[in-house]
Amino acid sequence: MFNPNISDIFMYPAAVDFLNLKTTGLETLHCSLLCLKLKAFYEVSESRPLLSVCSPESYKTNSQKEEHLLEIAENFQRQYLLLHPDRKPLLLYPVNEYGVRKFVSTTLRPTETGLWELQSWQECSSLVADFLSLQLLEPPTLLFSPTAVLRSQKATSFESSTLLCSLLLGLNYDAYVVSGYAAREMCLLDLSLQQCPLLDTKAKGETSDQTQKKYGVKCPMELTSRFLLDQEKKKLEAQDAAILEKELQEQEASIHLPDPLNGFRVHCWVLVLSGRRSIEENFFIDPLTGCSYPTVHDSFQGIESLWNPFNYYVNRQICHAGCKDINFDLENSTQWEPVLHDGVSQQQLIQAVHRRMEKFFLMRSWVSRIGITRKGETTRFPGGKKVTRYRKAMLERFSSTVTNDGLISRLTTYQDLSCTKVARVKEWYKYRSDGLEEREFNQLENSTTERFKSGRAFDLLCKSTAKRSNQEELTGCNWLLVDMAEEPPGPLSWYRLVKYLISEEEKIALQIKASLVEVTTGSHQIFYPSGFLC
């Protein structure tokens, strides 16, 4: 009987010819299923070349204990399908990048990177969301290792969740990978209905600019009631907001049609339980965006199962209302059915070591150590760039080592939902010799505004340029105000020189003031920064 080994076939180009063989040459059903698995693997790996010659032997073969674990999982799958014929098969033993079946819990590899930038769940989830690009897939039968995912920077939601959960477990979080159902926008990474988070920083930036001035002229006292004015203003704003929201809902309803597969879209995310690392409440993490959600969020529509490196749990609770009524007490066997009944949970592991409990301990993960270096953290976007489309906005982010001009992000806002008419373009920079930090192009007012960091030559903080219809440019500059009581934030030689002259030589200061009066009263008017002659 012709029984090829799948781990040997795909290593050679002749594997393509093997896939084209007729089924008449296969004498058993085992060989036909093997061929189909190989074909599915080849189709996926064609877009993701992940095979490495230096991969350990655990990637290509199963140990005796792993084979025993697979037998337990197969037996559980058969009983589960007999008892629940209306539910879908569980993801218990998917195929890895070498075509070998692995128990899904052993794919998790708790790893601590050792980088100070990755010491919390916010930083880890942000890195995974930025570092990987979404690979759409049908209900999964393949689950590549986290090391292979890091090499290709392409992953499904299951593979992204596996990588994120491995990092969180290395930081001592009580994290689990969740397999369930979610909304269409979350499964397809569609953020076109959400507000861009960078747009909320506009109001903060305006208030911070106003607080830079230490001294200012007091406004004359107003004899009108501020309370009545605020109430009238809030009333008008509420009316305008209601009208605008109604118009936007009508436009969005015409663009985004109802989902015919609502409640049936397979998705994977991470669950973090309370009790560790000062976590007070359970919450979900979407690995595609890196955002956290409460467990009662409407985007999560049901849970089939969840797992960690110690066991696999099947949900026995009804999910008619999504995840709002789900209890995450995994020790309750009436609500969660474990695959390994004689296994130990993470909480019982320490006690089991002392008591020498005779239970089935999960073996060590077959995945090698997940390596994330500081170089990989700086070049965190696939191809050095990542584009995210929000509601009436588009955010482009660049790796700091890719662009030549120091550009790290660009936010483009539009006037309409179809994103055809540009309103503003704002860019952020780093590591520039001229100290430029922000640049904003306002298409509506036909103006350009540049902001610089403190310590730049001549203390230029902000520069605005507006163009009129006759192509005449109007330029306005804001300079750093001189405060005699405080030292400047950067090395300013001329600043210290002027300060020394004013404090030690009052006559020179009076001469400078007199010369400024003479110059401004003449035919030519010359303006100097901060009112001093340089």
Protein backbone atom coordinates (compact mmCIF):
# COMPACT_ATOMS: atom_id res chain seq x y z
CA MET A 1 0.00 0.00 0.00
CA PHE A 2 1.31 3.43 -0.98
CA ASN A 3 1.34 5.44 2.28
CA PRO A 4 3.50 8.57 1.94
CA ASN A 5 4.72 10.53 4.93
CA ILE A 6 3.31 14.04 4.78
CA SER A 7 6.31 15.53 6.59
CA ASP A 8 8.58 14.28 3.77
CA ILE A 9 6.40 15.08 0.76
CA PHE A 10 6.17 18.85 0.98
CA MET A 11 9.94 19.25 1.36
CA TYR A 12 10.39 18.49 -2.37
CA PRO A 13 9.00 20.12 -5.55
CA ALA A 14 7.57 16.76 -6.54
CA ALA A 15 4.84 17.34 -3.98
CA VAL A 16 2.88 19.29 -6.59
CA ASP A 17 2.90 16.29 -8.89
CA PHE A 18 1.75 14.09 -6.04
CA LEU A 19 -1.26 16.31 -5.49
CA ASN A 20 -2.33 15.78 -9.10
CA LEU A 21 -2.50 12.00 -8.72
CA LYS A 22 -5.85 10.40 -9.34
CA THR A 23 -7.72 8.99 -6.40
CA THR A 24 -7.82 5.58 -8.12
CA GLY A 25 -4.21 5.08 -7.14
CA LEU A 26 -5.04 5.54 -3.45
CA GLU A 27 -6.12 2.30 -1.90
CA THR A 28 -7.35 3.58 1.44
CA LEU A 29 -9.33 6.47 2.80
CA HIS A 30 -6.36 7.40 4.97
CA CYS A 31 -4.23 8.22 1.95
CA SER A 32 -6.97 10.30 0.34
CA LEU A 33 -7.42 12.35 3.48
CA LEU A 34 -3.67 12.75 3.68
CA CYS A 35 -3.59 14.07 0.14
CA LEU A 36 -6.36 16.58 0.84
CA LYS A 37 -4.55 17.85 3.93
CA LEU A 38 -1.37 18.24 1.94
CA LYS A 39 -3.20 20.15 -0.79
CA ALA A 40 -4.78 22.51 1.71
CA PHE A 41 -1.42 23.01 3.36
CA TYR A 42 0.32 23.75 0.06
CA GLU A 43 -2.31 26.30 -0.96
CA VAL A 44 -1.91 28.21 2.29
CA SER A 45 1.88 27.96 2.52
CA GLU A 46 2.22 29.20 -1.07
CA SER A 47 1.42 32.73 0.16
CA ARG A 48 3.31 32.22 3.41
CA PRO A 49 6.73 30.58 2.91
CA LEU A 50 7.39 29.61 6.51
CA LEU A 51 9.42 26.41 6.39
CA SER A 52 12.76 26.63 8.08
CA VAL A 53 15.57 24.13 7.78
CA CYS A 54 16.56 24.77 11.42
CA SER A 55 13.17 23.85 12.88
CA PRO A 56 13.34 21.36 15.77
CA GLU A 57 12.22 17.78 15.36
CA SER A 58 9.16 18.46 17.53
CA TYR A 59 7.69 20.49 14.63
CA LYS A 60 7.81 17.47 12.27
CA THR A 61 6.95 14.50 14.45
CA ASN A 62 4.91 13.60 17.52
CA SER A 63 6.24 11.99 20.65
CA GLN A 64 4.58 9.00 22.30
CA LYS A 65 2.91 11.24 24.84
CA GLU A 66 1.62 13.55 22.11
CA GLU A 67 0.13 10.59 20.26
CA HIS A 68 -1.61 9.55 23.47
CA LEU A 69 -2.97 13.07 23.88
CA LEU A 70 -4.26 13.04 20.29
CA GLU A 71 -6.11 9.79 21.01
CA ILE A 72 -7.79 11.42 24.01
CA ALA A 73 -8.76 14.42 21.86
CA GLU A 74 -10.18 12.21 19.09
CA ASN A 75 -12.25 10.24 21.57
CA PHE A 76 -13.56 13.48 23.09
CA GLN A 77 -14.43 14.83 19.62
CA ARG A 78 -16.46 11.72 18.76
CA GLN A 79 -18.43 11.83 21.99
CA TYR A 80 -18.96 15.57 21.65
CA LEU A 81 -20.43 15.27 18.13
CA LEU A 82 -22.73 12.44 19.26
CA LEU A 83 -24.04 14.41 22.23
CA HIS A 84 -24.24 17.75 20.37
CA PRO A 85 -24.96 17.04 16.69
CA ASP A 86 -26.17 20.61 16.15
CA ARG A 87 -22.81 22.15 17.11
CA LYS A 88 -19.72 22.48 14.97
CA PRO A 89 -16.63 20.29 15.45
CA LEU A 90 -14.11 21.61 17.93
CA LEU A 91 -10.68 22.86 17.01
CA LEU A 92 -8.73 20.28 19.00
CA TYR A 93 -5.85 19.07 16.83
CA PRO A 94 -5.18 21.39 13.86
CA VAL A 95 -2.32 20.83 11.42
CA ASN A 96 0.84 22.89 11.84
CA GLU A 97 3.12 24.28 9.11
CA TYR A 98 4.73 20.86 8.64
CA GLY A 99 1.44 19.05 8.15
CA VAL A 100 1.57 17.37 11.58
CA ARG A 101 -1.44 17.28 13.88
CA LYS A 102 -0.83 18.95 17.23
CA PHE A 103 -3.08 19.32 20.26
CA VAL A 104 -4.07 22.97 20.26
CA SER A 105 -3.04 23.65 23.87
CA THR A 106 0.53 22.60 23.18
CA THR A 107 0.85 25.31 20.51
CA LEU A 108 0.90 27.92 23.27
CA ARG A 109 4.42 28.70 24.44
CA PRO A 110 4.60 31.07 27.44
CA THR A 111 7.49 33.40 26.68
CA GLU A 112 8.87 36.50 28.35
CA THR A 113 10.70 38.63 25.83
CA GLY A 114 12.80 40.50 28.39
CA LEU A 115 12.19 43.83 26.65
CA TRP A 116 11.14 46.69 28.90
CA GLU A 117 8.81 47.86 26.12
CA LEU A 118 6.73 44.66 26.49
CA GLN A 119 5.84 44.41 30.17
CA SER A 120 2.05 44.90 30.08
CA TRP A 121 -0.90 43.55 28.14
CA GLN A 122 -1.41 46.93 26.42
CA GLU A 123 2.10 46.90 24.96
CA CYS A 124 1.95 43.24 23.92
CA SER A 125 -1.44 43.54 22.24
CA SER A 126 -0.37 46.69 20.41
CA LEU A 127 2.77 44.96 19.12
CA VAL A 128 0.87 41.89 17.88
CA ALA A 129 -1.76 44.05 16.16
CA ASP A 130 0.90 46.17 14.44
CA PHE A 131 3.39 43.41 13.63
CA LEU A 132 0.96 41.01 11.90
CA SER A 133 -1.29 41.46 8.90
CA LEU A 134 -4.63 39.68 8.72
CA GLN A 135 -4.80 36.49 6.67
CA LEU A 136 -8.43 35.63 5.96
CA LEU A 137 -9.25 31.95 6.26
CA GLU A 138 -12.22 29.65 6.26
CA PRO A 139 -13.13 27.88 9.53
CA PRO A 140 -9.64 26.82 10.49
CA THR A 141 -8.04 23.41 10.15
CA LEU A 142 -4.50 24.81 10.16
CA LEU A 143 -2.72 26.51 13.05
CA PHE A 144 0.86 27.56 12.42
CA SER A 145 3.34 28.01 15.26
CA PRO A 146 4.04 31.49 16.68
CA THR A 147 7.62 31.30 15.41
CA ALA A 148 6.42 30.71 11.85
CA VAL A 149 3.92 33.55 12.18
CA LEU A 150 6.68 35.95 13.26
CA ARG A 151 8.74 35.05 10.21
CA SER A 152 5.95 35.70 7.72
CA GLN A 153 4.17 38.56 9.58
CA LYS A 154 0.88 37.11 8.29
CA ALA A 155 -1.61 35.39 10.55
CA THR A 156 -5.23 34.43 11.00
CA SER A 157 -7.13 35.50 14.10
CA PHE A 158 -6.33 32.11 15.68
CA GLU A 159 -2.61 32.46 15.08
CA SER A 160 -2.57 36.08 16.28
CA SER A 161 -4.40 35.07 19.45
CA THR A 162 -1.96 32.21 20.03
CA LEU A 163 1.01 34.56 19.78
CA LEU A 164 -0.59 37.20 22.02
CA CYS A 165 -1.67 34.65 24.62
CA SER A 166 1.85 33.20 24.71
CA LEU A 167 3.28 36.64 25.46
CA LEU A 168 0.68 37.34 28.15
CA LEU A 169 1.29 33.98 29.83
CA GLY A 170 4.98 34.83 29.96
CA LEU A 171 4.06 38.00 31.88
CA ASN A 172 2.01 35.96 34.41
CA TYR A 173 -1.43 36.95 33.12
CA ASP A 174 -4.25 34.42 33.43
CA ALA A 175 -4.88 34.39 29.69
CA TYR A 176 -6.86 32.02 27.44
CA VAL A 177 -7.40 31.67 23.72
CA VAL A 178 -11.12 31.85 22.88
CA SER A 179 -12.78 30.30 19.83
CA GLY A 180 -16.21 31.69 19.07
CA TYR A 181 -18.26 34.02 16.90
CA ALA A 182 -18.02 37.78 16.43
CA ALA A 183 -19.46 40.59 14.36
CA ARG A 184 -18.51 41.07 10.72
CA GLU A 185 -16.55 44.26 11.33
CA MET A 186 -14.37 42.56 13.93
CA CYS A 187 -13.73 39.43 11.87
CA LEU A 188 -12.78 41.39 8.74
CA LEU A 189 -10.90 44.14 10.63
CA ASP A 190 -13.30 46.77 9.30
CA LEU A 191 -12.85 49.99 11.31
CA SER A 192 -14.69 52.25 8.87
CA LEU A 193 -17.49 52.83 11.39
CA GLN A 194 -15.20 53.75 14.29
CA GLN A 195 -13.71 57.11 15.17
CA CYS A 196 -9.96 57.43 14.73
CA PRO A 197 -8.35 57.60 18.21
CA LEU A 198 -5.89 60.28 17.08
CA LEU A 199 -8.75 62.70 16.40
CA ASP A 200 -9.44 62.87 20.15
CA THR A 201 -6.00 64.36 20.74
CA LYS A 202 -6.89 67.53 18.85
CA ALA A 203 -8.74 69.11 21.75
CA LYS A 204 -5.95 68.09 24.14
CA GLY A 205 -3.38 69.73 21.91
CA GLU A 206 -5.34 72.97 21.84
CA THR A 207 -5.60 73.10 25.63
CA SER A 208 -1.91 72.33 26.05
CA ASP A 209 -0.99 75.17 23.68
CA GLN A 210 -3.06 77.54 25.72
CA THR A 211 -1.34 76.55 28.97
CA GLN A 212 2.14 77.32 27.59
CA LYS A 213 1.71 81.02 28.25
CA LYS A 214 2.54 81.71 31.85
CA TYR A 215 1.35 85.33 31.86
CA GLY A 216 -1.47 86.89 29.85
CA VAL A 217 -3.73 89.88 29.68
CA LYS A 218 -6.92 89.48 31.70
CA CYS A 219 -10.13 89.74 29.75
CA PRO A 220 -12.64 92.42 30.74
CA MET A 221 -15.45 91.28 33.01
CA GLU A 222 -18.54 90.03 31.19
CA LEU A 223 -21.88 91.07 32.63
CA THR A 224 -23.81 88.22 31.02
CA SER A 225 -24.65 84.93 32.71
CA ARG A 226 -22.22 82.19 31.69
CA PHE A 227 -24.62 79.52 32.90
CA LEU A 228 -27.35 80.66 30.52
CA LEU A 229 -24.88 80.93 27.66
CA ASP A 230 -23.55 77.42 28.34
CA GLN A 231 -27.05 75.99 28.49
CA GLU A 232 -27.98 77.63 25.20
CA LYS A 233 -24.76 76.43 23.63
CA LYS A 234 -25.30 72.85 24.81
CA LYS A 235 -28.85 72.89 23.51
CA LEU A 236 -27.74 74.04 20.05
CA GLU A 237 -24.91 71.52 20.00
CA ALA A 238 -27.27 68.69 20.97
CA GLN A 239 -29.67 69.62 18.19
CA ASP A 240 -26.88 69.81 15.62
CA ALA A 241 -25.41 66.52 16.84
CA ALA A 242 -28.78 64.76 16.61
CA ILE A 243 -29.34 65.99 13.07
CA LEU A 244 -25.81 65.02 12.04
CA GLU A 245 -26.08 61.59 13.68
CA LYS A 246 -29.34 60.90 11.88
CA GLU A 247 -27.81 61.82 8.54
CA LEU A 248 -24.75 59.67 9.19
CA GLN A 249 -26.87 56.69 10.20
CA GLU A 250 -28.84 56.94 6.99
CA GLN A 251 -25.63 57.12 4.97
CA GLU A 252 -24.07 54.21 6.85
CA ALA A 253 -27.21 52.12 6.45
CA SER A 254 -27.02 52.60 2.69
CA ILE A 255 -23.31 51.69 2.62
CA HIS A 256 -23.20 48.85 5.20
CA LEU A 257 -25.93 46.33 4.50
CA PRO A 258 -27.13 43.84 7.15
CA ASP A 259 -24.88 40.82 7.57
CA PRO A 260 -26.57 37.59 6.39
CA LEU A 261 -24.00 35.58 8.41
CA ASN A 262 -24.54 37.45 11.65
CA GLY A 263 -23.79 35.12 14.55
CA PHE A 264 -22.01 32.53 12.38
CA ARG A 265 -18.68 34.24 11.63
CA VAL A 266 -15.85 32.34 13.31
CA HIS A 267 -13.37 34.48 15.20
CA CYS A 268 -10.68 34.06 17.82
CA TRP A 269 -9.61 36.40 20.61
CA VAL A 270 -7.96 36.38 24.05
CA LEU A 271 -9.63 36.25 27.47
CA VAL A 272 -7.81 37.67 30.51
CA LEU A 273 -9.27 36.60 33.85
CA SER A 274 -9.03 38.67 37.01
CA GLY A 275 -6.85 37.82 39.97
CA ARG A 276 -3.35 38.43 38.63
CA ARG A 277 -1.28 41.47 37.74
CA SER A 278 -3.84 43.71 39.53
CA ILE A 279 -6.58 42.73 37.06
CA GLU A 280 -9.90 43.41 38.79
CA GLU A 281 -12.38 42.40 36.06
CA ASN A 282 -12.39 39.91 33.21
CA PHE A 283 -11.97 41.38 29.73
CA PHE A 284 -11.41 40.42 26.10
CA ILE A 285 -8.58 41.49 23.80
CA ASP A 286 -9.03 41.55 20.03
CA PRO A 287 -5.62 40.55 18.60
CA LEU A 288 -6.33 42.22 15.26
CA THR A 289 -6.64 45.72 16.74
CA GLY A 290 -5.04 45.34 20.17
CA CYS A 291 -8.11 46.90 21.85
CA SER A 292 -9.71 45.61 25.04
CA TYR A 293 -13.44 45.07 25.49
CA PRO A 294 -15.65 44.10 28.42
CA THR A 295 -16.99 40.55 28.36
CA VAL A 296 -20.52 41.90 27.73
CA HIS A 297 -19.63 43.70 24.50
CA ASP A 298 -22.06 43.20 21.62
CA SER A 299 -19.33 42.43 19.06
CA PHE A 300 -18.69 39.03 20.70
CA GLN A 301 -21.66 36.83 19.83
CA GLY A 302 -20.79 33.45 21.31
CA ILE A 303 -18.08 31.12 22.62
CA GLU A 304 -17.49 27.53 21.57
CA SER A 305 -14.37 26.75 23.57
CA LEU A 306 -11.26 28.21 25.18
CA TRP A 307 -7.89 26.82 26.18
CA ASN A 308 -4.59 27.54 27.90
CA PRO A 309 -1.38 25.48 28.15
CA PHE A 310 -2.95 23.26 30.83
CA ASN A 311 -6.35 22.23 29.49
CA TYR A 312 -9.09 22.70 26.91
CA TYR A 313 -12.59 23.78 27.99
CA VAL A 314 -15.84 23.49 26.03
CA ASN A 315 -18.61 25.96 26.75
CA ARG A 316 -21.87 24.34 27.90
CA GLN A 317 -23.76 27.60 28.46
CA ILE A 318 -26.34 29.13 26.12
CA CYS A 319 -25.17 32.15 24.11
CA HIS A 320 -28.47 33.58 22.86
CA ALA A 321 -27.52 36.99 24.32
CA GLY A 322 -23.91 36.79 23.18
CA CYS A 323 -21.33 36.63 25.97
CA LYS A 324 -23.30 38.72 28.46
CA ASP A 325 -24.58 35.83 30.58
CA ILE A 326 -21.50 33.60 30.41
CA ASN A 327 -19.86 32.67 33.69
CA PHE A 328 -16.09 32.18 33.42
CA ASP A 329 -15.71 29.89 36.43
CA LEU A 330 -13.80 27.14 34.64
CA GLU A 331 -13.85 24.88 37.70
CA ASN A 332 -17.64 24.52 37.34
CA SER A 333 -18.07 21.33 35.29
CA THR A 334 -21.75 22.07 34.63
CA GLN A 335 -20.78 25.17 32.64
CA TRP A 336 -17.39 24.18 31.20
CA GLU A 337 -16.48 20.68 30.04
CA PRO A 338 -12.71 19.98 30.17
CA VAL A 339 -11.06 17.63 27.71
CA LEU A 340 -8.63 16.32 30.32
CA HIS A 341 -10.78 15.38 33.30
CA ASP A 342 -7.74 14.12 35.18
CA GLY A 343 -5.71 17.16 34.23
CA VAL A 344 -4.73 20.03 36.46
CA SER A 345 -5.51 23.69 36.11
CA GLN A 346 -2.95 26.40 36.48
CA GLN A 347 -4.17 27.14 40.01
CA GLN A 348 -3.79 23.50 41.07
CA LEU A 349 -0.36 23.05 39.55
CA ILE A 350 1.62 24.25 42.57
CA GLN A 351 -0.40 22.07 44.92
CA ALA A 352 -0.04 19.10 42.59
CA VAL A 353 3.74 19.32 42.70
CA HIS A 354 3.75 19.02 46.49
CA ARG A 355 1.10 16.30 46.66
CA ARG A 356 2.51 14.31 43.71
CA MET A 357 -0.97 13.93 42.23
CA GLU A 358 -1.24 11.11 39.70
CA LYS A 359 -2.92 13.08 36.95
CA PHE A 360 -2.28 13.62 33.26
CA PHE A 361 0.02 16.62 32.98
CA LEU A 362 0.25 18.28 29.62
CA MET A 363 3.64 17.89 28.05
CA ARG A 364 5.96 20.74 27.23
CA SER A 365 5.01 22.83 24.23
CA TRP A 366 6.40 21.65 20.91
CA VAL A 367 7.03 25.27 19.86
CA SER A 368 10.52 26.66 20.32
CA ARG A 369 11.10 29.88 22.24
CA ILE A 370 9.40 32.93 20.72
CA GLY A 371 12.11 35.45 19.93
CA ILE A 372 11.20 39.14 19.68
CA THR A 373 14.20 41.44 19.53
CA ARG A 374 14.34 45.20 19.84
CA LYS A 375 15.05 45.41 16.12
CA GLY A 376 11.83 43.54 15.38
CA GLU A 377 9.96 45.80 17.79
CA THR A 378 11.15 48.96 15.99
CA THR A 379 10.29 47.60 12.52
CA ARG A 380 6.88 46.54 13.77
CA PHE A 381 4.84 47.06 10.60
CA PRO A 382 4.78 44.49 7.76
CA GLY A 383 6.83 45.97 4.93
CA GLY A 384 7.51 49.05 7.07
CA LYS A 385 4.00 50.48 6.63
CA LYS A 386 0.47 49.81 7.84
CA VAL A 387 -2.72 51.53 6.67
CA THR A 388 -5.91 51.62 8.77
CA ARG A 389 -9.18 53.12 7.52
CA TYR A 390 -11.50 54.72 10.06
CA ARG A 391 -14.71 56.68 9.79
CA LYS A 392 -13.91 59.60 7.45
CA ALA A 393 -10.21 59.14 8.15
CA MET A 394 -7.19 57.09 7.08
CA LEU A 395 -4.18 56.46 9.33
CA GLU A 396 -0.82 55.51 7.86
CA ARG A 397 1.93 54.37 10.22
CA PHE A 398 5.56 53.85 9.27
CA SER A 399 8.50 52.19 10.97
CA SER A 400 11.04 54.67 12.26
CA THR A 401 13.86 53.01 10.34
CA VAL A 402 12.09 52.95 6.96
CA THR A 403 11.38 56.58 6.05
CA ASN A 404 14.20 58.96 5.19
CA ASP A 405 12.53 62.16 6.42
CA GLY A 406 11.60 60.86 9.88
CA LEU A 407 7.88 60.43 9.08
CA ILE A 408 6.24 58.02 11.55
CA SER A 409 2.51 58.55 10.94
CA ARG A 410 0.11 60.40 8.66
CA LEU A 411 -3.56 61.05 9.37
CA THR A 412 -5.82 62.05 6.48
CA THR A 413 -9.34 63.22 7.32
CA TYR A 414 -12.12 63.45 4.74
CA GLN A 415 -15.31 65.43 4.39
CA ASP A 416 -17.53 62.49 3.37
CA LEU A 417 -17.98 58.84 4.33
CA SER A 418 -16.78 57.59 0.96
CA CYS A 419 -13.38 59.25 1.66
CA THR A 420 -13.08 61.12 -1.65
CA LYS A 421 -12.72 64.75 -0.51
CA VAL A 422 -9.66 65.47 1.62
CA ALA A 423 -10.14 67.92 4.48
CA ARG A 424 -6.85 67.82 6.42
CA VAL A 425 -3.56 65.94 6.33
CA LYS A 426 -1.53 65.79 9.54
CA GLU A 427 1.94 64.27 9.74
CA TRP A 428 4.13 63.37 12.74
CA TYR A 429 7.93 63.23 12.61
CA LYS A 430 10.78 62.03 14.80
CA TYR A 431 14.57 62.31 14.84
CA ARG A 432 14.77 65.35 12.53
CA SER A 433 17.70 67.75 12.70
CA ASP A 434 15.43 70.79 12.26
CA GLY A 435 13.26 69.77 15.22
CA LEU A 436 10.05 69.38 13.18
CA GLU A 437 7.45 67.32 15.06
CA GLU A 438 4.12 68.00 13.35
CA ARG A 439 2.98 69.33 10.00
CA GLU A 440 -0.66 69.94 9.11
CA PHE A 441 -2.07 70.72 5.67
CA ASN A 442 -5.55 72.24 5.82
CA GLN A 443 -7.19 71.86 2.43
CA LEU A 444 -10.28 73.81 3.49
CA GLU A 445 -8.36 76.92 4.54
CA ASN A 446 -5.46 76.33 2.12
CA SER A 447 -2.92 76.67 4.92
CA THR A 448 0.09 74.80 6.30
CA THR A 449 1.10 74.68 9.96
CA GLU A 450 4.40 73.33 11.27
CA ARG A 451 5.26 72.72 14.91
CA PHE A 452 8.76 72.26 16.26
CA LYS A 453 10.13 70.93 19.53
CA SER A 454 11.78 73.19 22.07
CA GLY A 455 15.52 73.74 21.72
CA ARG A 456 15.42 74.58 18.03
CA ALA A 457 17.53 77.45 16.72
CA PHE A 458 15.93 80.86 17.42
CA ASP A 459 13.25 79.08 19.53
CA LEU A 460 10.74 78.74 16.69
CA LEU A 461 7.80 76.72 18.01
CA CYS A 462 5.09 77.10 15.38
CA LYS A 463 4.94 78.39 11.82
CA SER A 464 1.73 78.91 9.85
CA THR A 465 1.51 79.69 6.14
CA ALA A 466 -1.76 80.58 4.38
CA LYS A 467 -2.26 81.19 0.67
CA ARG A 468 -4.81 83.63 -0.67
CA SER A 469 -6.53 83.49 -4.01
CA ASN A 470 -3.91 85.82 -5.54
CA GLN A 471 -1.14 83.36 -4.49
CA GLU A 472 0.05 85.75 -1.79
CA GLU A 473 1.49 83.94 1.22
CA LEU A 474 0.90 85.12 4.79
CA THR A 475 3.32 83.69 7.34
CA GLY A 476 2.94 83.85 11.10
CA CYS A 477 5.46 82.57 13.65
CA ASN A 478 5.28 81.85 17.38
CA TRP A 479 8.44 82.16 19.41
CA LEU A 480 9.43 80.98 22.85
CA LEU A 481 8.70 83.64 25.51
CA VAL A 482 11.70 84.66 27.65
CA ASP A 483 11.16 84.00 31.34
CA MET A 484 13.90 85.39 33.56
CA ALA A 485 13.01 83.08 36.45
CA GLU A 486 13.40 79.78 34.56
CA GLU A 487 16.14 78.18 32.56
CA PRO A 488 15.42 77.28 28.93
CA PRO A 489 14.67 73.63 28.09
CA GLY A 490 17.55 73.37 25.63
CA PRO A 491 21.01 74.78 24.91
CA LEU A 492 20.29 78.37 23.83
CA SER A 493 23.52 80.40 23.68
CA TRP A 494 21.91 83.65 22.55
CA TYR A 495 19.26 83.31 25.27
CA ARG A 496 21.88 83.14 28.01
CA LEU A 497 23.77 86.01 26.40
CA VAL A 498 20.69 88.27 26.44
CA LYS A 499 19.86 87.21 29.99
CA TYR A 500 23.39 88.06 31.09
CA LEU A 501 23.28 91.45 29.40
CA ILE A 502 19.93 92.34 31.00
CA SER A 503 20.92 91.24 34.48
CA GLU A 504 24.43 92.74 34.50
CA GLU A 505 24.29 95.69 32.17
CA GLU A 506 21.06 97.69 32.45
CA LYS A 507 22.41 100.37 30.16
CA ILE A 508 22.77 97.96 27.27
CA ALA A 509 19.19 96.80 27.77
CA LEU A 510 17.96 100.40 27.64
CA GLN A 511 19.96 101.00 24.45
CA ILE A 512 18.39 97.95 22.84
CA LYS A 513 14.92 99.15 23.77
CA ALA A 514 15.63 102.62 22.41
CA SER A 515 17.01 101.21 19.15
CA LEU A 516 13.87 99.11 18.69
CA VAL A 517 11.73 102.22 19.07
CA GLU A 518 13.77 104.05 16.45
CA VAL A 519 13.59 101.18 14.00
CA THR A 520 9.81 100.69 14.32
CA THR A 521 9.13 104.42 13.84
CA GLY A 522 11.18 104.52 10.64
CA SER A 523 10.13 103.72 7.10
CA HIS A 524 11.19 100.07 7.38
CA GLN A 525 9.72 97.89 10.12
CA ILE A 526 11.80 94.96 11.33
CA PHE A 527 10.50 92.36 13.80
CA TYR A 528 12.76 90.38 16.09
CA PRO A 529 11.94 87.22 18.01
CA SER A 530 10.83 87.82 21.62
CA GLY A 531 11.47 91.54 21.19
CA PHE A 532 15.27 91.30 21.41
CA LEU A 533 17.97 92.15 18.91
CA CYS A 534 19.97 89.11 17.82
